């Protein structure tokens, strides 16, 4: 039995997750899938924030085609976000605002520096986001894309665009922008422009009803009850048809599908002999794009920026023995990373992120 199998089996025995799937690959396209517990190797799982690199690549392909500019103002497609107001401080009352000096750009969305994002401390803006159902969490989105954007547009920015880093919401905005640019829901565009060329046959915003048996339950660790189910197997929000436009939402995928995506990135944007994403744009994606001035302790969780940067949709190791590694995680216990030598690993569970899952990721890093 391999060391990897022993590690996975140990975590299953300790109750980290009901099931774990790991895919290992490299630039050659060779993929080895190892599983333990009751998560099938072909399970279609909720990848949550691992959607962000996919949306980033979709945006960069439009940049590559000359249809989008990284420094274009987003209000050219999203007039709802024209003439933004900015809180004087992130903790200020909602009415204590000033006019934004400049517009939100596509680059700001890709780097989480739009001024929209998760709050890290209690404040009036956090309360307002909860009230209008735009606050991010592990649960599925409550509003369709247009209603979500309209609600977000009523709120001030937490910081001047380009001058602060806040997680999550920029990529929902980016998804809506892309859908308007191409003139169709983001899911349709991704299916044709990303999923089909890469062979990602089971990736989308929902699971077709005929494949619903491959959608596992999602769980959360509870101090008293252990693992508790928070989303059902084979049912619920992620089973088609979607209740509304999900251009701002997050994907489901499989170990094989996401490995195909990682293989393309590991090959600097190439699929075999064909260029899927230009080498220059692939290099920008995996390079730190965030200035030191916005890497403040209050922008995310403590220690997040230690030896780290942010590219386009991915975290980047800028120092230490893993320098050059990049990737990202999803809130229901999914993770992927690509090393400088082109090897990669995809880890899938369906357990909400916490100490146990983070321990699994550490053991698999």
Protein backbone atom coordinates (compact mmCIF):
# COMPACT_ATOMS: atom_id res chain seq x y z
CA UNK A 1 0.00 0.00 0.00
CA UNK A 2 1.36 3.42 -0.99
CA UNK A 3 2.22 6.19 1.46
CA UNK A 4 -0.51 8.33 -0.10
CA UNK A 5 -3.10 5.58 0.39
CA UNK A 6 -2.02 5.18 4.01
CA UNK A 7 -2.36 8.92 4.58
CA UNK A 8 -5.87 9.01 3.11
CA UNK A 9 -6.98 5.91 4.98
CA UNK A 10 -5.67 7.42 8.21
CA UNK A 11 -7.73 10.55 7.73
CA UNK A 12 -10.82 8.51 6.95
CA UNK A 13 -10.27 6.50 10.13
CA UNK A 14 -9.89 9.70 12.17
CA UNK A 15 -13.11 11.12 10.76
CA UNK A 16 -11.61 13.96 8.74
CA UNK A 17 -14.03 13.22 5.89
CA UNK A 18 -16.34 10.42 4.76
CA UNK A 19 -14.35 10.18 1.54
CA UNK A 20 -11.28 11.69 -0.12
CA UNK A 21 -10.12 11.66 -3.75
CA UNK A 22 -6.63 12.75 -4.81
CA UNK A 23 -5.43 13.18 -8.40
CA UNK A 24 -1.72 13.50 -9.16
CA UNK A 25 -0.41 14.55 -12.55
CA UNK A 26 2.20 16.43 -14.50
CA UNK A 27 2.81 18.15 -17.82
CA UNK A 28 2.75 14.83 -19.69
CA UNK A 29 -0.97 14.46 -19.11
CA UNK A 30 -0.51 11.33 -17.01
CA UNK A 31 -2.96 11.29 -14.09
CA UNK A 32 -3.16 8.87 -11.15
CA UNK A 33 -6.28 8.96 -8.98
CA UNK A 34 -6.26 7.59 -5.42
CA UNK A 35 -9.35 7.43 -3.22
CA UNK A 36 -10.40 6.37 0.24
CA UNK A 37 -13.74 6.14 2.01
CA UNK A 38 -17.07 6.61 0.29
CA UNK A 39 -16.17 9.33 -2.21
CA UNK A 40 -16.10 7.74 -5.66
CA UNK A 41 -13.17 8.66 -7.97
CA UNK A 42 -15.73 9.97 -10.49
CA UNK A 43 -17.77 11.95 -7.93
CA UNK A 44 -19.04 15.32 -9.13
CA UNK A 45 -18.25 17.66 -6.24
CA UNK A 46 -18.90 21.26 -5.30
CA UNK A 47 -15.52 22.93 -5.88
CA UNK A 48 -16.61 26.38 -4.68
CA UNK A 49 -13.65 28.79 -4.87
CA UNK A 50 -11.63 26.52 -7.13
CA UNK A 51 -13.99 28.11 -9.66
CA UNK A 52 -11.94 31.32 -9.51
CA UNK A 53 -8.96 30.05 -11.56
CA UNK A 54 -11.39 28.73 -14.18
CA UNK A 55 -13.13 32.10 -14.51
CA UNK A 56 -9.72 33.80 -14.59
CA UNK A 57 -8.64 31.63 -17.52
CA UNK A 58 -11.91 32.34 -19.34
CA UNK A 59 -11.28 36.07 -18.92
CA UNK A 60 -7.67 35.80 -20.06
CA UNK A 61 -8.73 33.93 -23.20
CA UNK A 62 -10.92 36.93 -24.07
CA UNK A 63 -7.93 39.20 -23.41
CA UNK A 64 -5.91 36.95 -25.71
CA UNK A 65 -8.56 37.32 -28.43
CA UNK A 66 -8.52 41.14 -28.13
CA UNK A 67 -12.07 41.29 -26.82
CA UNK A 68 -11.14 42.39 -23.30
CA UNK A 69 -8.43 44.60 -21.82
CA UNK A 70 -7.03 44.01 -18.35
CA UNK A 71 -7.13 47.73 -17.56
CA UNK A 72 -10.58 48.42 -19.01
CA UNK A 73 -13.16 49.91 -16.66
CA UNK A 74 -15.79 47.31 -15.76
CA UNK A 75 -18.59 49.88 -16.00
CA UNK A 76 -18.24 49.63 -19.79
CA UNK A 77 -20.17 46.32 -19.40
CA UNK A 78 -21.58 46.80 -15.91
CA UNK A 79 -23.04 50.33 -15.72
CA UNK A 80 -24.38 49.40 -12.27
CA UNK A 81 -20.81 49.86 -11.00
CA UNK A 82 -20.17 53.32 -12.46
CA UNK A 83 -19.30 56.19 -10.07
CA UNK A 84 -18.57 54.14 -6.99
CA UNK A 85 -18.49 55.51 -3.46
CA UNK A 86 -15.87 54.34 -0.94
CA UNK A 87 -16.10 54.07 2.84
CA UNK A 88 -13.69 56.39 4.64
CA UNK A 89 -12.56 53.36 6.62
CA UNK A 90 -13.71 49.72 6.29
CA UNK A 91 -15.51 50.08 9.64
CA UNK A 92 -17.24 53.40 8.82
CA UNK A 93 -21.03 53.81 8.78
CA UNK A 94 -22.46 53.21 5.32
CA UNK A 95 -23.12 56.91 4.80
CA UNK A 96 -19.56 57.98 5.58
CA UNK A 97 -18.22 57.76 2.03
CA UNK A 98 -16.19 59.61 -0.56
CA UNK A 99 -16.16 59.35 -4.35
CA UNK A 100 -13.84 56.70 -5.75
CA UNK A 101 -10.82 58.24 -7.46
CA UNK A 102 -10.84 55.76 -10.30
CA UNK A 103 -13.02 53.00 -11.76
CA UNK A 104 -12.92 49.29 -11.03
CA UNK A 105 -10.96 47.53 -13.79
CA UNK A 106 -10.83 43.96 -15.05
CA UNK A 107 -7.39 43.64 -13.44
CA UNK A 108 -8.90 44.63 -10.09
CA UNK A 109 -11.44 41.83 -10.39
CA UNK A 110 -8.78 39.23 -11.21
CA UNK A 111 -6.68 40.32 -8.23
CA UNK A 112 -9.47 40.77 -5.64
CA UNK A 113 -8.70 44.49 -5.40
CA UNK A 114 -12.01 45.87 -6.70
CA UNK A 115 -13.03 47.22 -3.29
CA UNK A 116 -15.79 44.62 -2.95
CA UNK A 117 -15.24 41.53 -0.84
CA UNK A 118 -15.61 39.74 2.44
CA UNK A 119 -15.37 41.67 5.68
CA UNK A 120 -12.99 40.32 8.31
CA UNK A 121 -14.38 42.15 11.36
CA UNK A 122 -17.88 43.18 12.49
CA UNK A 123 -18.90 46.43 10.81
CA UNK A 124 -21.93 48.14 9.25
CA UNK A 125 -20.95 46.93 5.78
CA UNK A 126 -20.94 43.31 6.94
CA UNK A 127 -24.43 43.74 8.42
CA UNK A 128 -25.63 45.30 5.17
CA UNK A 129 -24.23 42.43 3.11
CA UNK A 130 -25.99 39.90 5.32
CA UNK A 131 -29.23 41.87 5.04
CA UNK A 132 -29.18 42.10 1.23
CA UNK A 133 -27.94 38.50 0.79
CA UNK A 134 -24.58 39.31 -0.79
CA UNK A 135 -22.37 38.12 2.08
CA UNK A 136 -20.19 35.16 1.07
CA UNK A 137 -20.44 31.82 2.84
CA UNK A 138 -20.38 28.09 2.28
CA UNK A 139 -24.03 28.07 1.26
CA UNK A 140 -25.13 28.37 -2.37
CA UNK A 141 -25.95 31.84 -3.66
CA UNK A 142 -29.42 33.07 -2.76
CA UNK A 143 -29.90 35.54 -5.60
CA UNK A 144 -29.65 35.28 -9.36
CA UNK A 145 -26.81 37.08 -11.09
CA UNK A 146 -28.66 40.32 -11.89
CA UNK A 147 -30.34 40.58 -8.50
CA UNK A 148 -27.01 39.86 -6.79
CA UNK A 149 -25.22 42.57 -8.79
CA UNK A 150 -28.03 45.06 -8.16
CA UNK A 151 -27.84 44.38 -4.43
CA UNK A 152 -24.06 44.66 -4.37
CA UNK A 153 -24.20 47.93 -6.32
CA UNK A 154 -26.24 49.56 -3.53
CA UNK A 155 -23.28 49.16 -1.17
CA UNK A 156 -20.16 51.31 -0.94
CA UNK A 157 -16.71 49.92 -1.62
CA UNK A 158 -14.61 48.92 1.35
CA UNK A 159 -11.52 50.53 -0.16
CA UNK A 160 -10.42 52.42 -3.25
CA UNK A 161 -10.08 50.11 -6.28
CA UNK A 162 -6.53 48.81 -6.46
CA UNK A 163 -5.69 49.93 -2.92
CA UNK A 164 -7.03 47.07 -0.82
CA UNK A 165 -7.39 43.29 -1.06
CA UNK A 166 -10.68 41.66 -0.13
CA UNK A 167 -11.68 38.13 -1.02
CA UNK A 168 -14.38 36.58 -3.16
CA UNK A 169 -16.89 39.05 -4.64
CA UNK A 170 -14.65 40.30 -7.44
CA UNK A 171 -14.95 36.95 -9.19
CA UNK A 172 -18.75 36.96 -9.06
CA UNK A 173 -18.64 40.37 -10.70
CA UNK A 174 -16.14 39.06 -13.26
CA UNK A 175 -18.42 36.17 -14.15
CA UNK A 176 -21.32 38.55 -14.85
CA UNK A 177 -19.03 40.83 -16.87
CA UNK A 178 -17.93 37.91 -19.04
CA UNK A 179 -21.52 36.84 -19.63
CA UNK A 180 -22.43 40.33 -20.81
CA UNK A 181 -19.37 40.58 -23.02
CA UNK A 182 -20.13 37.31 -24.82
CA UNK A 183 -23.89 37.82 -24.81
CA UNK A 184 -24.90 34.59 -23.10
CA UNK A 185 -24.92 33.02 -19.61
CA UNK A 186 -21.43 32.28 -18.34
CA UNK A 187 -22.16 28.54 -18.15
CA UNK A 188 -22.83 28.40 -21.89
CA UNK A 189 -19.65 30.32 -22.65
CA UNK A 190 -17.50 28.18 -20.35
CA UNK A 191 -18.93 25.00 -21.85
CA UNK A 192 -17.87 25.99 -25.37
CA UNK A 193 -14.72 27.98 -24.69
CA UNK A 194 -13.15 26.12 -21.76
CA UNK A 195 -14.79 22.81 -20.85
CA UNK A 196 -15.16 21.26 -24.31
CA UNK A 197 -11.60 22.06 -25.49
CA UNK A 198 -10.15 20.70 -22.25
CA UNK A 199 -12.40 17.63 -22.13
CA UNK A 200 -14.06 18.68 -18.86
CA UNK A 201 -17.20 16.67 -19.50
CA UNK A 202 -18.66 16.80 -15.97
CA UNK A 203 -17.97 20.42 -15.03
CA UNK A 204 -20.69 23.06 -14.84
CA UNK A 205 -22.77 25.10 -12.44
CA UNK A 206 -25.18 22.22 -11.86
CA UNK A 207 -25.22 18.43 -12.14
CA UNK A 208 -27.58 17.03 -14.81
CA UNK A 209 -30.40 15.01 -13.26
CA UNK A 210 -29.13 11.81 -14.91
CA UNK A 211 -25.78 12.25 -13.13
CA UNK A 212 -27.20 13.34 -9.77
CA UNK A 213 -26.27 9.99 -8.20
CA UNK A 214 -22.63 11.08 -8.51
CA UNK A 215 -23.15 14.20 -6.33
CA UNK A 216 -22.16 13.29 -2.76
CA UNK A 217 -23.48 14.83 0.42
CA UNK A 218 -21.58 17.74 1.97
CA UNK A 219 -20.65 17.80 5.65
CA UNK A 220 -19.44 20.03 8.46
CA UNK A 221 -17.52 19.14 11.59
CA UNK A 222 -19.44 19.80 14.79
CA UNK A 223 -17.66 19.72 18.16
CA UNK A 224 -20.45 17.70 19.75
CA UNK A 225 -21.95 15.68 16.89
CA UNK A 226 -18.92 15.06 14.69
CA UNK A 227 -19.65 15.13 10.97
CA UNK A 228 -23.10 16.47 10.18
CA UNK A 229 -24.71 16.65 6.75
CA UNK A 230 -25.28 20.16 5.41
CA UNK A 231 -26.20 19.36 1.79
CA UNK A 232 -27.86 16.17 0.53
CA UNK A 233 -26.45 13.60 -1.83
CA UNK A 234 -28.03 13.59 -5.28
CA UNK A 235 -30.37 16.48 -4.57
CA UNK A 236 -30.58 20.13 -3.64
CA UNK A 237 -29.36 23.37 -5.20
CA UNK A 238 -26.66 21.86 -7.42
CA UNK A 239 -28.92 19.47 -9.32
CA UNK A 240 -30.21 20.89 -12.61
CA UNK A 241 -32.11 22.87 -13.58
CA UNK A 242 -30.59 25.98 -12.01
CA UNK A 243 -33.13 28.21 -10.22
CA UNK A 244 -31.71 31.37 -11.87
CA UNK A 245 -28.72 32.71 -13.80
CA UNK A 246 -25.57 31.44 -12.05
CA UNK A 247 -22.98 33.55 -13.89
CA UNK A 248 -21.75 34.81 -10.49
CA UNK A 249 -21.76 31.39 -8.82
CA UNK A 250 -19.47 28.40 -8.32
CA UNK A 251 -18.92 25.16 -10.20
CA UNK A 252 -19.12 21.44 -9.69
CA UNK A 253 -16.37 19.27 -11.16
CA UNK A 254 -14.49 15.97 -10.89
CA UNK A 255 -10.93 14.87 -10.19
CA UNK A 256 -10.42 14.00 -13.86
CA UNK A 257 -11.91 17.24 -15.16
CA UNK A 258 -9.97 19.52 -12.83
CA UNK A 259 -6.82 17.55 -13.60
CA UNK A 260 -7.33 18.36 -17.28
CA UNK A 261 -7.52 22.04 -16.34
CA UNK A 262 -4.40 21.75 -14.16
CA UNK A 263 -2.52 19.95 -16.95
CA UNK A 264 -3.14 22.89 -19.27
CA UNK A 265 -1.84 25.34 -16.66
CA UNK A 266 1.16 23.12 -15.90
CA UNK A 267 1.98 23.27 -19.62
CA UNK A 268 1.96 27.10 -19.57
CA UNK A 269 -1.36 27.25 -21.39
CA UNK A 270 -0.82 24.54 -23.98
CA UNK A 271 -2.95 21.50 -24.85
CA UNK A 272 -0.57 19.21 -26.66
CA UNK A 273 0.82 21.24 -29.54
CA UNK A 274 -1.99 23.81 -29.41
CA UNK A 275 -2.01 27.10 -27.53
CA UNK A 276 -5.07 27.39 -25.31
CA UNK A 277 -3.75 30.34 -23.28
CA UNK A 278 -0.72 32.33 -24.34
CA UNK A 279 2.50 31.67 -22.45
CA UNK A 280 2.64 35.31 -21.37
CA UNK A 281 -0.87 35.33 -19.92
CA UNK A 282 -0.30 31.95 -18.25
CA UNK A 283 2.84 33.39 -16.65
CA UNK A 284 0.91 36.43 -15.42
CA UNK A 285 -1.77 34.19 -13.92
CA UNK A 286 0.78 32.35 -11.77
CA UNK A 287 2.82 35.45 -10.80
CA UNK A 288 2.20 37.72 -7.83
CA UNK A 289 0.09 40.61 -9.11
CA UNK A 290 -0.64 42.30 -5.78
CA UNK A 291 1.50 45.18 -4.46
CA UNK A 292 2.93 44.88 -0.97
CA UNK A 293 0.88 47.90 0.15
CA UNK A 294 -2.39 45.94 -0.03
CA UNK A 295 -1.10 42.82 1.75
CA UNK A 296 -2.37 44.04 5.08
CA UNK A 297 -3.04 41.78 8.08
CA UNK A 298 -6.74 42.69 8.06
CA UNK A 299 -7.32 41.75 4.42
CA UNK A 300 -7.85 38.02 5.09
CA UNK A 301 -6.93 35.49 7.78
CA UNK A 302 -3.77 35.97 9.93
CA UNK A 303 -0.57 34.90 8.21
CA UNK A 304 -2.13 34.64 4.77
CA UNK A 305 0.49 36.86 3.15
CA UNK A 306 3.54 35.24 4.77
CA UNK A 307 5.72 34.35 1.78
CA UNK A 308 2.65 34.47 -0.46
CA UNK A 309 1.17 36.54 -3.25
CA UNK A 310 -1.94 36.49 -5.44
CA UNK A 311 -1.95 36.09 -9.21
CA UNK A 312 -5.09 35.89 -11.32
CA UNK A 313 -7.44 33.60 -9.36
CA UNK A 314 -4.66 31.73 -7.56
CA UNK A 315 -2.42 32.10 -4.53
CA UNK A 316 1.30 32.10 -5.33
CA UNK A 317 4.23 31.00 -3.16
CA UNK A 318 6.80 33.78 -3.49
CA UNK A 319 9.33 32.56 -0.91
CA UNK A 320 10.56 29.38 0.73
CA UNK A 321 10.98 25.79 -0.45
CA UNK A 322 7.69 25.84 -2.40
CA UNK A 323 8.49 29.03 -4.27
CA UNK A 324 6.69 28.99 -7.62
CA UNK A 325 3.82 26.79 -6.41
CA UNK A 326 0.37 28.17 -7.14
CA UNK A 327 -3.22 27.04 -6.76
CA UNK A 328 -6.29 27.54 -4.61
CA UNK A 329 -8.85 25.84 -2.38
CA UNK A 330 -12.63 25.56 -2.11
CA UNK A 331 -14.64 26.01 1.06
CA UNK A 332 -16.03 22.46 1.02
CA UNK A 333 -12.62 20.86 1.41
CA UNK A 334 -11.18 20.95 -2.09
CA UNK A 335 -7.69 22.05 -3.09
CA UNK A 336 -5.23 22.05 -5.98
CA UNK A 337 -1.66 23.18 -6.49
CA UNK A 338 0.84 23.15 -9.31
CA UNK A 339 4.58 23.14 -8.63
CA UNK A 340 7.30 24.84 -10.61
CA UNK A 341 8.32 21.50 -12.17
CA UNK A 342 4.85 21.06 -13.67
CA UNK A 343 3.62 18.40 -11.27
CA UNK A 344 0.26 18.98 -9.63
CA UNK A 345 -2.19 17.59 -7.11
CA UNK A 346 -5.96 17.90 -6.84
CA UNK A 347 -7.61 17.04 -3.50
CA UNK A 348 -11.36 16.60 -3.17
CA UNK A 349 -13.57 16.12 -0.13
CA UNK A 350 -17.00 17.48 0.64
CA UNK A 351 -16.34 18.69 4.17
CA UNK A 352 -16.45 22.35 5.13
CA UNK A 353 -13.02 23.87 5.64
CA UNK A 354 -11.77 23.65 9.22
CA UNK A 355 -8.92 22.33 11.31
CA UNK A 356 -9.41 18.72 10.24
CA UNK A 357 -9.48 19.46 6.52
CA UNK A 358 -6.59 21.89 6.80
CA UNK A 359 -4.64 19.11 8.51
CA UNK A 360 -5.39 16.85 5.55
CA UNK A 361 -4.15 19.49 3.12
CA UNK A 362 -0.98 19.93 5.17
CA UNK A 363 -0.32 16.18 5.05
CA UNK A 364 -0.82 16.18 1.29
CA UNK A 365 1.29 19.23 0.51
